[in-house]
C-alpha atoms as a PDB file:
ATOM      1  CA  UNK A   1     -68.458 -15.370   3.942  1.00  0.00           C
ATOM      2  CA  UNK A   2     -67.800 -19.015   3.069  1.00  0.00           C
ATOM      3  CA  UNK A   3     -69.822 -20.220   6.053  1.00  0.00           C
ATOM      4  CA  UNK A   4     -66.792 -21.819   7.664  1.00  0.00           C
ATOM      5  CA  UNK A   5     -66.643 -22.326  11.405  1.00  0.00           C
ATOM      6  CA  UNK A   6     -63.634 -22.760  13.643  1.00  0.00           C
ATOM      7  CA  UNK A   7     -63.758 -24.871  16.775  1.00  0.00           C
ATOM      8  CA  UNK A   8     -61.850 -24.735  20.042  1.00  0.00           C
ATOM      9  CA  UNK A   9     -58.665 -26.823  19.982  1.00  0.00           C
ATOM     10  CA  UNK A  10     -59.097 -30.197  21.619  1.00  0.00           C
ATOM     11  CA  UNK A  11     -57.925 -33.755  21.470  1.00  0.00           C
ATOM     12  CA  UNK A  12     -58.846 -35.511  18.267  1.00  0.00           C
ATOM     13  CA  UNK A  13     -60.507 -38.353  20.157  1.00  0.00           C
ATOM     14  CA  UNK A  14     -63.062 -35.933  21.584  1.00  0.00           C
ATOM     15  CA  UNK A  15     -63.757 -33.744  18.573  1.00  0.00           C
ATOM     16  CA  UNK A  16     -66.588 -35.898  17.264  1.00  0.00           C
ATOM     17  CA  UNK A  17     -68.316 -35.599  20.619  1.00  0.00           C
ATOM     18  CA  UNK A  18     -67.913 -31.835  20.972  1.00  0.00           C
ATOM     19  CA  UNK A  19     -69.550 -30.620  17.796  1.00  0.00           C
ATOM     20  CA  UNK A  20     -71.002 -31.934  14.611  1.00  0.00           C
ATOM     21  CA  UNK A  21     -71.411 -30.348  11.228  1.00  0.00           C
ATOM     22  CA  UNK A  22     -74.649 -30.118   9.275  1.00  0.00           C
ATOM     23  CA  UNK A  23     -75.786 -33.403   7.757  1.00  0.00           C
ATOM     24  CA  UNK A  24     -74.292 -33.909   4.300  1.00  0.00           C
ATOM     25  CA  UNK A  25     -71.598 -31.240   4.824  1.00  0.00           C
ATOM     26  CA  UNK A  26     -67.922 -31.410   3.979  1.00  0.00           C
ATOM     27  CA  UNK A  27     -65.201 -30.368   6.423  1.00  0.00           C
ATOM     28  CA  UNK A  28     -61.443 -29.945   6.402  1.00  0.00           C
ATOM     29  CA  UNK A  29     -59.803 -31.049   9.648  1.00  0.00           C
ATOM     30  CA  UNK A  30     -56.278 -31.024  11.028  1.00  0.00           C
ATOM     31  CA  UNK A  31     -57.108 -33.784  13.515  1.00  0.00           C
ATOM     32  CA  UNK A  32     -55.596 -37.240  13.317  1.00  0.00           C
ATOM     33  CA  UNK A  33     -58.750 -39.318  13.045  1.00  0.00           C
ATOM     34  CA  UNK A  34     -61.313 -39.835  10.344  1.00  0.00           C
ATOM     35  CA  UNK A  35     -64.045 -42.403   9.950  1.00  0.00           C
ATOM     36  CA  UNK A  36     -67.595 -42.417   8.548  1.00  0.00           C
ATOM     37  CA  UNK A  37     -69.998 -40.046  10.305  1.00  0.00           C
ATOM     38  CA  UNK A  38     -67.330 -38.856  12.749  1.00  0.00           C
ATOM     39  CA  UNK A  39     -68.477 -35.233  12.660  1.00  0.00           C
ATOM     40  CA  UNK A  40     -72.114 -35.884  11.767  1.00  0.00           C
ATOM     41  CA  UNK A  41     -74.418 -38.014   9.686  1.00  0.00           C
ATOM     42  CA  UNK A  42     -73.514 -38.365   6.012  1.00  0.00           C
ATOM     43  CA  UNK A  43     -70.561 -35.965   6.365  1.00  0.00           C
ATOM     44  CA  UNK A  44     -67.293 -35.922   4.451  1.00  0.00           C
ATOM     45  CA  UNK A  45     -64.244 -35.072   6.544  1.00  0.00           C
ATOM     46  CA  UNK A  46     -60.883 -34.585   4.880  1.00  0.00           C
ATOM     47  CA  UNK A  47     -57.688 -34.531   6.936  1.00  0.00           C
ATOM     48  CA  UNK A  48     -54.781 -32.271   6.084  1.00  0.00           C
ATOM     49  CA  UNK A  49     -51.963 -30.077   7.283  1.00  0.00           C
ATOM     50  CA  UNK A  50     -52.244 -26.701   8.964  1.00  0.00           C
ATOM     51  CA  UNK A  51     -51.082 -25.140   5.696  1.00  0.00           C
ATOM     52  CA  UNK A  52     -53.871 -26.827   3.765  1.00  0.00           C
ATOM     53  CA  UNK A  53     -56.427 -25.817   6.403  1.00  0.00           C
ATOM     54  CA  UNK A  54     -55.304 -22.186   6.138  1.00  0.00           C
ATOM     55  CA  UNK A  55     -55.733 -22.209   2.364  1.00  0.00           C
ATOM     56  CA  UNK A  56     -59.155 -23.869   2.722  1.00  0.00           C
ATOM     57  CA  UNK A  57     -60.145 -21.092   5.135  1.00  0.00           C
ATOM     58  CA  UNK A  58     -59.020 -18.409   2.692  1.00  0.00           C
ATOM     59  CA  UNK A  59     -60.776 -19.980  -0.303  1.00  0.00           C
ATOM     60  CA  UNK A  60     -63.802 -21.350   1.530  1.00  0.00           C
ATOM     61  CA  UNK A  61     -63.258 -24.741  -0.100  1.00  0.00           C
ATOM     62  CA  UNK A  62     -60.620 -27.396  -0.650  1.00  0.00           C
ATOM     63  CA  UNK A  63     -58.121 -26.021  -3.172  1.00  0.00           C
ATOM     64  CA  UNK A  64     -56.905 -27.517  -6.397  1.00  0.00           C
ATOM     65  CA  UNK A  65     -53.261 -28.599  -6.492  1.00  0.00           C
ATOM     66  CA  UNK A  66     -52.351 -25.392  -8.310  1.00  0.00           C
ATOM     67  CA  UNK A  67     -54.169 -23.230  -5.741  1.00  0.00           C
ATOM     68  CA  UNK A  68     -52.446 -25.070  -2.906  1.00  0.00           C
ATOM     69  CA  UNK A  69     -48.991 -24.597  -4.420  1.00  0.00           C
ATOM     70  CA  UNK A  70     -49.699 -20.915  -5.099  1.00  0.00           C
ATOM     71  CA  UNK A  71     -50.965 -20.450  -1.540  1.00  0.00           C
ATOM     72  CA  UNK A  72     -47.931 -22.090   0.003  1.00  0.00           C
ATOM     73  CA  UNK A  73     -45.478 -20.035  -2.035  1.00  0.00           C
ATOM     74  CA  UNK A  74     -44.598 -17.886   0.985  1.00  0.00           C
ATOM     75  CA  UNK A  75     -43.696 -21.069   2.857  1.00  0.00           C
ATOM     76  CA  UNK A  76     -41.336 -22.158   0.105  1.00  0.00           C
ATOM     77  CA  UNK A  77     -39.602 -18.783   0.203  1.00  0.00           C
ATOM     78  CA  UNK A  78     -39.612 -18.299   3.995  1.00  0.00           C
ATOM     79  CA  UNK A  79     -39.715 -21.911   5.198  1.00  0.00           C
ATOM     80  CA  UNK A  80     -36.577 -21.659   7.313  1.00  0.00           C
ATOM     81  CA  UNK A  81     -38.040 -18.786   9.344  1.00  0.00           C
ATOM     82  CA  UNK A  82     -41.562 -20.230   9.547  1.00  0.00           C
ATOM     83  CA  UNK A  83     -40.529 -23.660  10.797  1.00  0.00           C
ATOM     84  CA  UNK A  84     -37.545 -22.703  12.932  1.00  0.00           C
ATOM     85  CA  UNK A  85     -39.408 -23.304  16.202  1.00  0.00           C
ATOM     86  CA  UNK A  86     -40.296 -26.869  15.289  1.00  0.00           C
ATOM     87  CA  UNK A  87     -36.710 -27.856  16.082  1.00  0.00           C
ATOM     88  CA  UNK A  88     -37.011 -27.869  19.857  1.00  0.00           C
ATOM     89  CA  UNK A  89     -33.442 -29.093  20.233  1.00  0.00           C
ATOM     90  CA  UNK A  90     -32.352 -25.708  18.867  1.00  0.00           C
ATOM     91  CA  UNK A  91     -34.332 -23.640  21.397  1.00  0.00           C
ATOM     92  CA  UNK A  92     -32.166 -22.898  24.410  1.00  0.00           C
ATOM     93  CA  UNK A  93     -34.954 -23.104  27.023  1.00  0.00           C
ATOM     94  CA  UNK A  94     -36.025 -26.544  25.853  1.00  0.00           C
ATOM     95  CA  UNK A  95     -32.473 -27.793  25.557  1.00  0.00           C
ATOM     96  CA  UNK A  96     -31.705 -26.707  29.140  1.00  0.00           C
ATOM     97  CA  UNK A  97     -34.718 -28.577  30.496  1.00  0.00           C
ATOM     98  CA  UNK A  98     -33.963 -31.660  28.404  1.00  0.00           C
ATOM     99  CA  UNK A  99     -30.395 -31.788  29.650  1.00  0.00           C
ATOM    100  CA  UNK A 100     -31.682 -31.881  33.230  1.00  0.00           C
ATOM    101  CA  UNK A 101     -33.914 -34.923  32.648  1.00  0.00           C
ATOM    102  CA  UNK A 102     -32.577 -38.172  34.059  1.00  0.00           C
ATOM    103  CA  UNK A 103     -33.690 -41.785  33.583  1.00  0.00           C
END
């Protein structure tokens, strides 16, 4: 309803070559690069976290600070469970492979 569009995941170096947004549009991106006209002529591209991108998708716009904090409330309460897989050293399969790597 907000007119948002999601793109296929890809490397951030290529994203500007894969698709562009309408001239004069504003976009929220989780990529690692931002420079003038990267996603199209006269465009505004804001970089942010996956959490921020999710809230932007829900609202259809970039949230205020208060909206962001309200939207991330579940993360504050359940953060340990949500981010547990970001600690690869604590996942047995990854640890086993890492222990087998030699110089």
